PDB file of N, CA and C in Angstrom:
ATOM      1  N   UNK A   1      -0.462  26.148 -12.743  1.00  0.00           N
ATOM      2  CA  UNK A   1      -1.744  26.597 -12.242  1.00  0.00           C
ATOM      3  C   UNK A   1      -2.400  25.445 -11.490  1.00  0.00           C
ATOM      4  N   UNK A   2      -2.959  25.723 -10.321  1.00  0.00           N
ATOM      5  CA  UNK A   2      -3.630  24.687  -9.556  1.00  0.00           C
ATOM      6  C   UNK A   2      -5.102  24.627  -9.919  1.00  0.00           C
ATOM      7  N   UNK A   3      -5.663  23.472  -9.733  1.00  0.00           N
ATOM      8  CA  UNK A   3      -7.088  23.265  -9.999  1.00  0.00           C
ATOM      9  C   UNK A   3      -7.878  23.784  -8.796  1.00  0.00           C
ATOM     10  N   UNK A   4      -8.718  24.802  -8.946  1.00  0.00           N
ATOM     11  CA  UNK A   4      -9.436  25.365  -7.803  1.00  0.00           C
ATOM     12  C   UNK A   4     -10.462  24.419  -7.187  1.00  0.00           C
ATOM     13  N   UNK A   5     -10.830  23.349  -7.897  1.00  0.00           N
ATOM     14  CA  UNK A   5     -11.805  22.407  -7.341  1.00  0.00           C
ATOM     15  C   UNK A   5     -11.136  21.345  -6.483  1.00  0.00           C
ATOM     16  N   UNK A   6      -9.813  21.255  -6.516  1.00  0.00           N
ATOM     17  CA  UNK A   6      -9.079  20.278  -5.732  1.00  0.00           C
ATOM     18  C   UNK A   6      -8.286  21.003  -4.659  1.00  0.00           C
ATOM     19  N   UNK A   7      -8.728  20.904  -3.394  1.00  0.00           N
ATOM     20  CA  UNK A   7      -8.017  21.608  -2.344  1.00  0.00           C
ATOM     21  C   UNK A   7      -6.615  21.047  -2.148  1.00  0.00           C
ATOM     22  N   UNK A   8      -5.695  21.903  -1.796  1.00  0.00           N
ATOM     23  CA  UNK A   8      -4.347  21.476  -1.499  1.00  0.00           C
ATOM     24  C   UNK A   8      -4.351  20.858  -0.108  1.00  0.00           C
ATOM     25  N   UNK A   9      -4.027  19.569  -0.020  1.00  0.00           N
ATOM     26  CA  UNK A   9      -4.060  18.879   1.255  1.00  0.00           C
ATOM     27  C   UNK A   9      -2.732  18.182   1.497  1.00  0.00           C
ATOM     28  N   UNK A  10      -2.410  18.040   2.768  1.00  0.00           N
ATOM     29  CA  UNK A  10      -1.253  17.239   3.135  1.00  0.00           C
ATOM     30  C   UNK A  10      -1.762  15.825   3.364  1.00  0.00           C
ATOM     31  N   UNK A  11      -1.310  14.859   2.571  1.00  0.00           N
ATOM     32  CA  UNK A  11      -1.824  13.497   2.709  1.00  0.00           C
ATOM     33  C   UNK A  11      -1.440  12.869   4.043  1.00  0.00           C
ATOM     34  N   UNK A  12      -2.359  12.070   4.580  1.00  0.00           N
ATOM     35  CA  UNK A  12      -2.060  11.239   5.743  1.00  0.00           C
ATOM     36  C   UNK A  12      -1.450   9.949   5.223  1.00  0.00           C
ATOM     37  N   UNK A  13      -0.272   9.608   5.674  1.00  0.00           N
ATOM     38  CA  UNK A  13       0.386   8.392   5.197  1.00  0.00           C
ATOM     39  C   UNK A  13       0.136   7.195   6.106  1.00  0.00           C
ATOM     40  N   UNK A  14      -0.440   7.443   7.284  1.00  0.00           N
ATOM     41  CA  UNK A  14      -0.755   6.375   8.221  1.00  0.00           C
ATOM     42  C   UNK A  14      -2.103   6.675   8.874  1.00  0.00           C
ATOM     43  N   UNK A  15      -3.198   6.615   8.081  1.00  0.00           N
ATOM     44  CA  UNK A  15      -4.509   6.965   8.634  1.00  0.00           C
ATOM     45  C   UNK A  15      -4.921   6.011   9.751  1.00  0.00           C
ATOM     46  N   UNK A  16      -5.560   6.561  10.775  1.00  0.00           N
ATOM     47  CA  UNK A  16      -6.009   5.759  11.907  1.00  0.00           C
ATOM     48  C   UNK A  16      -7.150   4.838  11.476  1.00  0.00           C
ATOM     49  N   UNK A  17      -7.051   3.581  11.876  1.00  0.00           N
ATOM     50  CA  UNK A  17      -8.096   2.609  11.584  1.00  0.00           C
ATOM     51  C   UNK A  17      -8.754   2.199  12.901  1.00  0.00           C
ATOM     52  N   UNK A  18      -9.890   1.524  12.805  1.00  0.00           N
ATOM     53  CA  UNK A  18     -10.640   1.130  13.997  1.00  0.00           C
ATOM     54  C   UNK A  18     -10.142  -0.173  14.618  1.00  0.00           C
ATOM     55  N   UNK A  19      -9.484  -1.006  13.817  1.00  0.00           N
ATOM     56  CA  UNK A  19      -8.985  -2.277  14.331  1.00  0.00           C
ATOM     57  C   UNK A  19      -8.083  -2.952  13.317  1.00  0.00           C
ATOM     58  N   UNK A  20      -7.344  -3.952  13.766  1.00  0.00           N
ATOM     59  CA  UNK A  20      -6.481  -4.740  12.887  1.00  0.00           C
ATOM     60  C   UNK A  20      -6.792  -6.209  13.122  1.00  0.00           C
ATOM     61  N   UNK A  21      -7.089  -6.915  12.056  1.00  0.00           N
ATOM     62  CA  UNK A  21      -7.458  -8.323  12.126  1.00  0.00           C
ATOM     63  C   UNK A  21      -6.667  -9.094  11.086  1.00  0.00           C
ATOM     64  N   UNK A  22      -6.007 -10.148  11.528  1.00  0.00           N
ATOM     65  CA  UNK A  22      -5.175 -10.967  10.640  1.00  0.00           C
ATOM     66  C   UNK A  22      -4.117 -10.102   9.949  1.00  0.00           C
ATOM     67  N   UNK A  23      -3.649  -9.077  10.664  1.00  0.00           N
ATOM     68  CA  UNK A  23      -2.614  -8.190  10.137  1.00  0.00           C
ATOM     69  C   UNK A  23      -3.123  -7.120   9.184  1.00  0.00           C
ATOM     70  N   UNK A  24      -4.440  -6.974   9.058  1.00  0.00           N
ATOM     71  CA  UNK A  24      -5.027  -6.021   8.115  1.00  0.00           C
ATOM     72  C   UNK A  24      -5.745  -4.911   8.889  1.00  0.00           C
ATOM     73  N   UNK A  25      -5.288  -3.662   8.771  1.00  0.00           N
ATOM     74  CA  UNK A  25      -5.991  -2.538   9.407  1.00  0.00           C
ATOM     75  C   UNK A  25      -7.317  -2.265   8.688  1.00  0.00           C
ATOM     76  N   UNK A  26      -8.406  -2.120   9.469  1.00  0.00           N
ATOM     77  CA  UNK A  26      -9.757  -2.021   8.920  1.00  0.00           C
ATOM     78  C   UNK A  26     -10.542  -0.900   9.608  1.00  0.00           C
ATOM     79  N   UNK A  27     -11.452  -0.273   8.847  1.00  0.00           N
ATOM     80  CA  UNK A  27     -12.379   0.717   9.417  1.00  0.00           C
ATOM     81  C   UNK A  27     -13.657   0.737   8.588  1.00  0.00           C
ATOM     82  N   UNK A  28     -14.757   1.092   9.250  1.00  0.00           N
ATOM     83  CA  UNK A  28     -15.983   1.422   8.530  1.00  0.00           C
ATOM     84  C   UNK A  28     -15.801   2.806   7.915  1.00  0.00           C
ATOM     85  N   UNK A  29     -16.501   3.065   6.794  1.00  0.00           N
ATOM     86  CA  UNK A  29     -16.530   4.422   6.253  1.00  0.00           C
ATOM     87  C   UNK A  29     -17.889   4.670   5.625  1.00  0.00           C
ATOM     88  N   UNK A  30     -18.268   5.931   5.574  1.00  0.00           N
ATOM     89  CA  UNK A  30     -19.578   6.278   5.032  1.00  0.00           C
ATOM     90  C   UNK A  30     -20.683   5.881   5.994  1.00  0.00           C
ATOM     91  N   UNK A  31     -21.898   5.923   5.503  1.00  0.00           N
ATOM     92  CA  UNK A  31     -23.047   5.644   6.351  1.00  0.00           C
ATOM     93  C   UNK A  31     -23.829   4.418   5.914  1.00  0.00           C
ATOM     94  N   UNK A  32     -23.271   3.650   4.988  1.00  0.00           N
ATOM     95  CA  UNK A  32     -23.974   2.492   4.441  1.00  0.00           C
ATOM     96  C   UNK A  32     -23.393   1.162   4.905  1.00  0.00           C
ATOM     97  N   UNK A  33     -22.452   1.186   5.851  1.00  0.00           N
ATOM     98  CA  UNK A  33     -21.830  -0.055   6.304  1.00  0.00           C
ATOM     99  C   UNK A  33     -20.665  -0.493   5.444  1.00  0.00           C
ATOM    100  N   UNK A  34     -20.150   0.401   4.605  1.00  0.00           N
ATOM    101  CA  UNK A  34     -18.980   0.078   3.794  1.00  0.00           C
ATOM    102  C   UNK A  34     -17.757  -0.053   4.685  1.00  0.00           C
ATOM    103  N   UNK A  35     -16.788  -0.872   4.263  1.00  0.00           N
ATOM    104  CA  UNK A  35     -15.548  -1.047   5.017  1.00  0.00           C
ATOM    105  C   UNK A  35     -14.352  -0.852   4.110  1.00  0.00           C
ATOM    106  N   UNK A  36     -13.243  -0.490   4.749  1.00  0.00           N
ATOM    107  CA  UNK A  36     -12.004  -0.221   4.045  1.00  0.00           C
ATOM    108  C   UNK A  36     -10.871  -0.916   4.781  1.00  0.00           C
ATOM    109  N   UNK A  37      -9.978  -1.546   4.037  1.00  0.00           N
ATOM    110  CA  UNK A  37      -8.775  -2.159   4.593  1.00  0.00           C
ATOM    111  C   UNK A  37      -7.573  -1.528   3.912  1.00  0.00           C
ATOM    112  N   UNK A  38      -6.571  -1.181   4.696  1.00  0.00           N
ATOM    113  CA  UNK A  38      -5.352  -0.650   4.096  1.00  0.00           C
ATOM    114  C   UNK A  38      -4.615  -1.765   3.378  1.00  0.00           C
ATOM    115  N   UNK A  39      -4.175  -1.504   2.160  1.00  0.00           N
ATOM    116  CA  UNK A  39      -3.471  -2.484   1.339  1.00  0.00           C
ATOM    117  C   UNK A  39      -4.404  -3.176   0.364  1.00  0.00           C
ATOM    118  N   UNK A  40      -3.824  -3.748  -0.682  1.00  0.00           N
ATOM    119  CA  UNK A  40      -4.581  -4.549  -1.632  1.00  0.00           C
ATOM    120  C   UNK A  40      -4.507  -6.005  -1.165  1.00  0.00           C
ATOM    121  N   UNK A  41      -5.661  -6.614  -0.943  1.00  0.00           N
ATOM    122  CA  UNK A  41      -5.729  -7.980  -0.428  1.00  0.00           C
ATOM    123  C   UNK A  41      -6.628  -8.817  -1.325  1.00  0.00           C
ATOM    124  N   UNK A  42      -6.477 -10.131  -1.228  1.00  0.00           N
ATOM    125  CA  UNK A  42      -7.388 -11.014  -1.957  1.00  0.00           C
ATOM    126  C   UNK A  42      -8.781 -10.846  -1.354  1.00  0.00           C
ATOM    127  N   UNK A  43      -9.822 -11.065  -2.135  1.00  0.00           N
ATOM    128  CA  UNK A  43     -11.174 -10.919  -1.594  1.00  0.00           C
ATOM    129  C   UNK A  43     -11.432 -11.766  -0.340  1.00  0.00           C
ATOM    130  N   UNK A  44     -10.974 -13.006  -0.329  1.00  0.00           N
ATOM    131  CA  UNK A  44     -11.225 -13.880   0.821  1.00  0.00           C
ATOM    132  C   UNK A  44     -10.514 -13.372   2.070  1.00  0.00           C
ATOM    133  N   UNK A  45      -9.279 -12.914   1.913  1.00  0.00           N
ATOM    134  CA  UNK A  45      -8.535 -12.400   3.067  1.00  0.00           C
ATOM    135  C   UNK A  45      -9.171 -11.116   3.594  1.00  0.00           C
ATOM    136  N   UNK A  46      -9.559 -10.237   2.681  1.00  0.00           N
ATOM    137  CA  UNK A  46     -10.222  -8.997   3.096  1.00  0.00           C
ATOM    138  C   UNK A  46     -11.539  -9.298   3.800  1.00  0.00           C
ATOM    139  N   UNK A  47     -12.315 -10.234   3.255  1.00  0.00           N
ATOM    140  CA  UNK A  47     -13.592 -10.585   3.886  1.00  0.00           C
ATOM    141  C   UNK A  47     -13.397 -11.152   5.289  1.00  0.00           C
ATOM    142  N   UNK A  48     -12.338 -11.915   5.495  1.00  0.00           N
ATOM    143  CA  UNK A  48     -12.066 -12.440   6.830  1.00  0.00           C
ATOM    144  C   UNK A  48     -11.849 -11.294   7.813  1.00  0.00           C
ATOM    145  N   UNK A  49     -11.066 -10.297   7.404  1.00  0.00           N
ATOM    146  CA  UNK A  49     -10.812  -9.141   8.278  1.00  0.00           C
ATOM    147  C   UNK A  49     -12.085  -8.317   8.471  1.00  0.00           C
ATOM    148  N   UNK A  50     -12.839  -8.094   7.405  1.00  0.00           N
ATOM    149  CA  UNK A  50     -14.083  -7.323   7.512  1.00  0.00           C
ATOM    150  C   UNK A  50     -15.095  -8.043   8.412  1.00  0.00           C
ATOM    151  N   UNK A  51     -15.206  -9.344   8.247  1.00  0.00           N
ATOM    152  CA  UNK A  51     -16.144 -10.118   9.048  1.00  0.00           C
ATOM    153  C   UNK A  51     -15.779 -10.033  10.534  1.00  0.00           C
ATOM    154  N   UNK A  52     -14.502 -10.189  10.841  1.00  0.00           N
ATOM    155  CA  UNK A  52     -14.065 -10.091  12.234  1.00  0.00           C
ATOM    156  C   UNK A  52     -14.341  -8.700  12.788  1.00  0.00           C
ATOM    157  N   UNK A  53     -14.118  -7.672  11.965  1.00  0.00           N
ATOM    158  CA  UNK A  53     -14.370  -6.296  12.407  1.00  0.00           C
ATOM    159  C   UNK A  53     -15.859  -6.105  12.732  1.00  0.00           C
ATOM    160  N   UNK A  54     -16.730  -6.632  11.895  1.00  0.00           N
ATOM    161  CA  UNK A  54     -18.176  -6.522  12.145  1.00  0.00           C
ATOM    162  C   UNK A  54     -18.548  -7.208  13.463  1.00  0.00           C
ATOM    163  N   UNK A  55     -17.910  -8.324  13.745  1.00  0.00           N
ATOM    164  CA  UNK A  55     -18.202  -9.050  14.978  1.00  0.00           C
ATOM    165  C   UNK A  55     -17.665  -8.312  16.202  1.00  0.00           C
ATOM    166  N   UNK A  56     -16.440  -7.822  16.114  1.00  0.00           N
ATOM    167  CA  UNK A  56     -15.805  -7.169  17.263  1.00  0.00           C
ATOM    168  C   UNK A  56     -16.347  -5.756  17.476  1.00  0.00           C
ATOM    169  N   UNK A  57     -16.400  -4.970  16.418  1.00  0.00           N
ATOM    170  CA  UNK A  57     -16.778  -3.557  16.520  1.00  0.00           C
ATOM    171  C   UNK A  57     -18.275  -3.377  16.788  1.00  0.00           C
ATOM    172  N   UNK A  58     -19.103  -4.192  16.145  1.00  0.00           N
ATOM    173  CA  UNK A  58     -20.557  -3.982  16.218  1.00  0.00           C
ATOM    174  C   UNK A  58     -21.317  -5.115  16.896  1.00  0.00           C
ATOM    175  N   UNK A  59     -20.636  -6.187  17.233  1.00  0.00           N
ATOM    176  CA  UNK A  59     -21.312  -7.308  17.876  1.00  0.00           C
ATOM    177  C   UNK A  59     -22.206  -8.097  16.936  1.00  0.00           C
ATOM    178  N   UNK A  60     -21.975  -8.009  15.636  1.00  0.00           N
ATOM    179  CA  UNK A  60     -22.786  -8.739  14.664  1.00  0.00           C
ATOM    180  C   UNK A  60     -22.351 -10.200  14.590  1.00  0.00           C
ATOM    181  N   UNK A  61     -23.247 -11.045  14.126  1.00  0.00           N
ATOM    182  CA  UNK A  61     -22.919 -12.461  13.934  1.00  0.00           C
ATOM    183  C   UNK A  61     -21.871 -12.617  12.835  1.00  0.00           C
ATOM    184  N   UNK A  62     -22.032 -11.837  11.780  1.00  0.00           N
ATOM    185  CA  UNK A  62     -21.087 -11.767  10.653  1.00  0.00           C
ATOM    186  C   UNK A  62     -21.409 -10.483   9.893  1.00  0.00           C
ATOM    187  N   UNK A  63     -20.843 -10.306   8.732  1.00  0.00           N
ATOM    188  CA  UNK A  63     -21.080  -9.075   7.965  1.00  0.00           C
ATOM    189  C   UNK A  63     -22.557  -8.769   7.776  1.00  0.00           C
ATOM    190  N   UNK A  64     -23.334  -9.798   7.510  1.00  0.00           N
ATOM    191  CA  UNK A  64     -24.770  -9.621   7.252  1.00  0.00           C
ATOM    192  C   UNK A  64     -25.599  -9.727   8.523  1.00  0.00           C
ATOM    193  N   UNK A  65     -24.957 -10.065   9.633  1.00  0.00           N
ATOM    194  CA  UNK A  65     -25.649 -10.372  10.888  1.00  0.00           C
ATOM    195  C   UNK A  65     -26.711 -11.439  10.641  1.00  0.00           C
ATOM    196  N   UNK A  66     -26.327 -12.426   9.846  1.00  0.00           N
ATOM    197  CA  UNK A  66     -27.224 -13.504   9.437  1.00  0.00           C
ATOM    198  C   UNK A  66     -26.443 -14.811   9.441  1.00  0.00           C
ATOM    199  N   UNK A  67     -26.764 -15.736  10.329  1.00  0.00           N
ATOM    200  CA  UNK A  67     -26.013 -16.993  10.393  1.00  0.00           C
ATOM    201  C   UNK A  67     -26.081 -17.819   9.107  1.00  0.00           C
ATOM    202  N   UNK A  68     -27.047 -17.550   8.243  1.00  0.00           N
ATOM    203  CA  UNK A  68     -27.177 -18.278   6.985  1.00  0.00           C
ATOM    204  C   UNK A  68     -26.414 -17.624   5.828  1.00  0.00           C
ATOM    205  N   UNK A  69     -25.816 -16.449   6.065  1.00  0.00           N
ATOM    206  CA  UNK A  69     -25.108 -15.735   4.991  1.00  0.00           C
ATOM    207  C   UNK A  69     -23.922 -16.560   4.507  1.00  0.00           C
ATOM    208  N   UNK A  70     -23.624 -16.407   3.246  1.00  0.00           N
ATOM    209  CA  UNK A  70     -22.558 -17.151   2.594  1.00  0.00           C
ATOM    210  C   UNK A  70     -21.526 -16.168   2.039  1.00  0.00           C
ATOM    211  N   UNK A  71     -20.282 -16.604   1.954  1.00  0.00           N
ATOM    212  CA  UNK A  71     -19.224 -15.733   1.433  1.00  0.00           C
ATOM    213  C   UNK A  71     -19.553 -15.234   0.028  1.00  0.00           C
ATOM    214  N   UNK A  72     -20.229 -16.040  -0.749  1.00  0.00           N
ATOM    215  CA  UNK A  72     -20.574 -15.645  -2.116  1.00  0.00           C
ATOM    216  C   UNK A  72     -21.507 -14.436  -2.142  1.00  0.00           C
ATOM    217  N   UNK A  73     -22.235 -14.209  -1.042  1.00  0.00           N
ATOM    218  CA  UNK A  73     -23.111 -13.044  -0.961  1.00  0.00           C
ATOM    219  C   UNK A  73     -22.314 -11.743  -0.902  1.00  0.00           C
ATOM    220  N   UNK A  74     -21.055 -11.821  -0.496  1.00  0.00           N
ATOM    221  CA  UNK A  74     -20.251 -10.618  -0.254  1.00  0.00           C
ATOM    222  C   UNK A  74     -19.050 -10.468  -1.178  1.00  0.00           C
ATOM    223  N   UNK A  75     -18.578 -11.535  -1.763  1.00  0.00           N
ATOM    224  CA  UNK A  75     -17.332 -11.507  -2.537  1.00  0.00           C
ATOM    225  C   UNK A  75     -17.395 -10.507  -3.692  1.00  0.00           C
ATOM    226  N   UNK A  76     -18.582 -10.318  -4.283  1.00  0.00           N
ATOM    227  CA  UNK A  76     -18.727  -9.380  -5.396  1.00  0.00           C
ATOM    228  C   UNK A  76     -18.643  -7.918  -4.986  1.00  0.00           C
ATOM    229  N   UNK A  77     -18.737  -7.645  -3.691  1.00  0.00           N
ATOM    230  CA  UNK A  77     -18.662  -6.270  -3.210  1.00  0.00           C
ATOM    231  C   UNK A  77     -17.259  -5.806  -2.884  1.00  0.00           C
ATOM    232  N   UNK A  78     -16.260  -6.663  -3.129  1.00  0.00           N
ATOM    233  CA  UNK A  78     -14.862  -6.333  -2.833  1.00  0.00           C
ATOM    234  C   UNK A  78     -14.201  -5.742  -4.064  1.00  0.00           C
ATOM    235  N   UNK A  79     -13.456  -4.660  -3.860  1.00  0.00           N
ATOM    236  CA  UNK A  79     -12.672  -4.084  -4.958  1.00  0.00           C
ATOM    237  C   UNK A  79     -11.451  -3.376  -4.384  1.00  0.00           C
ATOM    238  N   UNK A  80     -10.450  -3.187  -5.212  1.00  0.00           N
ATOM    239  CA  UNK A  80      -9.247  -2.477  -4.787  1.00  0.00           C
ATOM    240  C   UNK A  80      -9.180  -1.126  -5.482  1.00  0.00           C
ATOM    241  N   UNK A  81      -8.655  -0.153  -4.759  1.00  0.00           N
ATOM    242  CA  UNK A  81      -8.514   1.202  -5.283  1.00  0.00           C
ATOM    243  C   UNK A  81      -7.295   1.855  -4.649  1.00  0.00           C
ATOM    244  N   UNK A  82      -7.061   3.090  -5.040  1.00  0.00           N
ATOM    245  CA  UNK A  82      -6.048   3.950  -4.432  1.00  0.00           C
ATOM    246  C   UNK A  82      -6.786   5.134  -3.831  1.00  0.00           C
ATOM    247  N   UNK A  83      -6.448   5.481  -2.587  1.00  0.00           N
ATOM    248  CA  UNK A  83      -7.116   6.558  -1.861  1.00  0.00           C
ATOM    249  C   UNK A  83      -6.070   7.552  -1.358  1.00  0.00           C
ATOM    250  N   UNK A  84      -6.400   8.814  -1.467  1.00  0.00           N
ATOM    251  CA  UNK A  84      -5.596   9.878  -0.875  1.00  0.00           C
ATOM    252  C   UNK A  84      -6.308  10.294   0.404  1.00  0.00           C
ATOM    253  N   UNK A  85      -5.698   9.986   1.535  1.00  0.00           N
ATOM    254  CA  UNK A  85      -6.263  10.313   2.836  1.00  0.00           C
ATOM    255  C   UNK A  85      -5.771  11.689   3.280  1.00  0.00           C
ATOM    256  N   UNK A  86      -6.639  12.425   3.961  1.00  0.00           N
ATOM    257  CA  UNK A  86      -6.250  13.718   4.523  1.00  0.00           C
ATOM    258  C   UNK A  86      -6.984  13.917   5.846  1.00  0.00           C
ATOM    259  N   UNK A  87      -6.530  14.894   6.616  1.00  0.00           N
ATOM    260  CA  UNK A  87      -7.169  15.205   7.895  1.00  0.00           C
ATOM    261  C   UNK A  87      -8.580  15.715   7.620  1.00  0.00           C
ATOM    262  N   UNK A  88      -9.534  15.353   8.477  1.00  0.00           N
ATOM    263  CA  UNK A  88     -10.916  15.774   8.255  1.00  0.00           C
ATOM    264  C   UNK A  88     -11.144  17.220   8.687  1.00  0.00           C
ATOM    265  N   UNK A  89     -12.170  17.833   8.112  1.00  0.00           N
ATOM    266  CA  UNK A  89     -12.586  19.166   8.534  1.00  0.00           C
ATOM    267  C   UNK A  89     -13.444  19.086   9.792  1.00  0.00           C
ATOM    268  N   UNK A  90     -14.052  17.924  10.031  1.00  0.00           N
ATOM    269  CA  UNK A  90     -14.951  17.747  11.166  1.00  0.00           C
ATOM    270  C   UNK A  90     -14.313  16.825  12.199  1.00  0.00           C
ATOM    271  N   UNK A  91     -14.423  17.157  13.487  1.00  0.00           N
ATOM    272  CA  UNK A  91     -13.781  16.351  14.527  1.00  0.00           C
ATOM    273  C   UNK A  91     -14.406  14.966  14.737  1.00  0.00           C
ATOM    274  N   UNK A  92     -15.582  14.714  14.163  1.00  0.00           N
ATOM    275  CA  UNK A  92     -16.239  13.416  14.326  1.00  0.00           C
ATOM    276  C   UNK A  92     -15.635  12.323  13.446  1.00  0.00           C
ATOM    277  N   UNK A  93     -14.759  12.689  12.531  1.00  0.00           N
ATOM    278  CA  UNK A  93     -14.190  11.737  11.584  1.00  0.00           C
ATOM    279  C   UNK A  93     -12.703  11.531  11.848  1.00  0.00           C
ATOM    280  N   UNK A  94     -12.218  10.312  11.531  1.00  0.00           N
ATOM    281  CA  UNK A  94     -10.798  10.007  11.677  1.00  0.00           C
ATOM    282  C   UNK A  94      -9.985  10.571  10.529  1.00  0.00           C
ATOM    283  N   UNK A  95     -10.570  10.561   9.326  1.00  0.00           N
ATOM    284  CA  UNK A  95      -9.886  11.014   8.121  1.00  0.00           C
ATOM    285  C   UNK A  95     -10.908  11.237   7.021  1.00  0.00           C
ATOM    286  N   UNK A  96     -10.456  11.861   5.970  1.00  0.00           N
ATOM    287  CA  UNK A  96     -11.227  12.026   4.748  1.00  0.00           C
ATOM    288  C   UNK A  96     -10.432  11.311   3.665  1.00  0.00           C
ATOM    289  N   UNK A  97     -11.095  10.582   2.795  1.00  0.00           N
ATOM    290  CA  UNK A  97     -10.399   9.887   1.710  1.00  0.00           C
ATOM    291  C   UNK A  97     -11.109  10.100   0.394  1.00  0.00           C
ATOM    292  N   UNK A  98     -10.310  10.244  -0.653  1.00  0.00           N
ATOM    293  CA  UNK A  98     -10.902  10.357  -1.983  1.00  0.00           C
ATOM    294  C   UNK A  98     -10.148   9.450  -2.943  1.00  0.00           C
ATOM    295  N   UNK A  99     -10.882   8.795  -3.828  1.00  0.00           N
ATOM    296  CA  UNK A  99     -10.237   7.907  -4.798  1.00  0.00           C
ATOM    297  C   UNK A  99      -9.372   8.699  -5.763  1.00  0.00           C
ATOM    298  N   UNK A 100      -8.223   8.137  -6.075  1.00  0.00           N
ATOM    299  CA  UNK A 100      -7.295   8.751  -7.029  1.00  0.00           C
ATOM    300  C   UNK A 100      -6.706   7.637  -7.885  1.00  0.00           C
ATOM    301  N   UNK A 101      -5.943   8.012  -8.887  1.00  0.00           N
ATOM    302  CA  UNK A 101      -5.304   7.018  -9.742  1.00  0.00           C
ATOM    303  C   UNK A 101      -3.990   6.560  -9.114  1.00  0.00           C
ATOM    304  N   UNK A 102      -3.619   5.338  -9.421  1.00  0.00           N
ATOM    305  CA  UNK A 102      -2.343   4.807  -8.950  1.00  0.00           C
ATOM    306  C   UNK A 102      -1.219   5.748  -9.366  1.00  0.00           C
ATOM    307  N   UNK A 103      -0.287   5.978  -8.486  1.00  0.00           N
ATOM    308  CA  UNK A 103       0.833   6.864  -8.784  1.00  0.00           C
ATOM    309  C   UNK A 103       0.641   8.275  -8.257  1.00  0.00           C
ATOM    310  N   UNK A 104      -0.563   8.595  -7.777  1.00  0.00           N
ATOM    311  CA  UNK A 104      -0.798   9.908  -7.184  1.00  0.00           C
ATOM    312  C   UNK A 104       0.062  10.018  -5.926  1.00  0.00           C
ATOM    313  N   UNK A 105       0.851  11.082  -5.789  1.00  0.00           N
ATOM    314  CA  UNK A 105       1.702  11.224  -4.607  1.00  0.00           C
ATOM    315  C   UNK A 105       0.895  11.167  -3.313  1.00  0.00           C
ATOM    316  N   UNK A 106       1.327  10.306  -2.393  1.00  0.00           N
ATOM    317  CA  UNK A 106       0.666  10.163  -1.101  1.00  0.00           C
ATOM    318  C   UNK A 106      -0.485   9.181  -1.078  1.00  0.00           C
ATOM    319  N   UNK A 107      -0.895   8.671  -2.238  1.00  0.00           N
ATOM    320  CA  UNK A 107      -2.034   7.742  -2.292  1.00  0.00           C
ATOM    321  C   UNK A 107      -1.645   6.389  -1.703  1.00  0.00           C
ATOM    322  N   UNK A 108      -2.614   5.755  -1.045  1.00  0.00           N
ATOM    323  CA  UNK A 108      -2.395   4.438  -0.456  1.00  0.00           C
ATOM    324  C   UNK A 108      -3.314   3.401  -1.105  1.00  0.00           C
ATOM    325  N   UNK A 109      -2.828   2.165  -1.242  1.00  0.00           N
ATOM    326  CA  UNK A 109      -3.685   1.099  -1.766  1.00  0.00           C
ATOM    327  C   UNK A 109      -4.684   0.672  -0.697  1.00  0.00           C
ATOM    328  N   UNK A 110      -5.921   0.430  -1.103  1.00  0.00           N
ATOM    329  CA  UNK A 110      -6.956  -0.018  -0.177  1.00  0.00           C
ATOM    330  C   UNK A 110      -7.803  -1.100  -0.838  1.00  0.00           C
ATOM    331  N   UNK A 111      -8.418  -1.905   0.015  1.00  0.00           N
ATOM    332  CA  UNK A 111      -9.412  -2.869  -0.419  1.00  0.00           C
ATOM    333  C   UNK A 111     -10.722  -2.440   0.206  1.00  0.00           C
ATOM    334  N   UNK A 112     -11.761  -2.337  -0.611  1.00  0.00           N
ATOM    335  CA  UNK A 112     -13.059  -1.837  -0.140  1.00  0.00           C
ATOM    336  C   UNK A 112     -14.110  -2.932  -0.178  1.00  0.00           C
ATOM    337  N   UNK A 113     -15.027  -2.856   0.760  1.00  0.00           N
ATOM    338  CA  UNK A 113     -16.254  -3.656   0.733  1.00  0.00           C
ATOM    339  C   UNK A 113     -17.392  -2.676   0.652  1.00  0.00           C
ATOM    340  N   UNK A 114     -18.097  -2.688  -0.459  1.00  0.00           N
ATOM    341  CA  UNK A 114     -19.233  -1.799  -0.647  1.00  0.00           C
ATOM    342  C   UNK A 114     -20.488  -2.598  -0.318  1.00  0.00           C
ATOM    343  N   UNK A 115     -21.103  -2.240   0.804  1.00  0.00           N
ATOM    344  CA  UNK A 115     -22.268  -2.984   1.308  1.00  0.00           C
ATOM    345  C   UNK A 115     -23.503  -2.725   0.471  1.00  0.00           C
TER     346      UNK A 115
END
């Protein structure tokens, strides 16, 4: 029996990202300035890619758009998860992603920055 609250979706195994920095594919997600990187990365490596993305994609000085910002201001916002990506229902989005447990078929490892 299938769970009626979980739609049957075909997972995206190579979701489109907005840019790749230092070999890490990165995109903004949500409306709060959160970022996502494909793969599990160390916090410092992920922050380097996120910071470059903020500079290139949005023209910001850095993640905080503040020349006085310090890495310690952001390191606590990094976490790793597993996401199941699927095609979006709306054409304005590249993909839809939902957190799942490790081992879920089609799930990909991601590193998140929650702003």
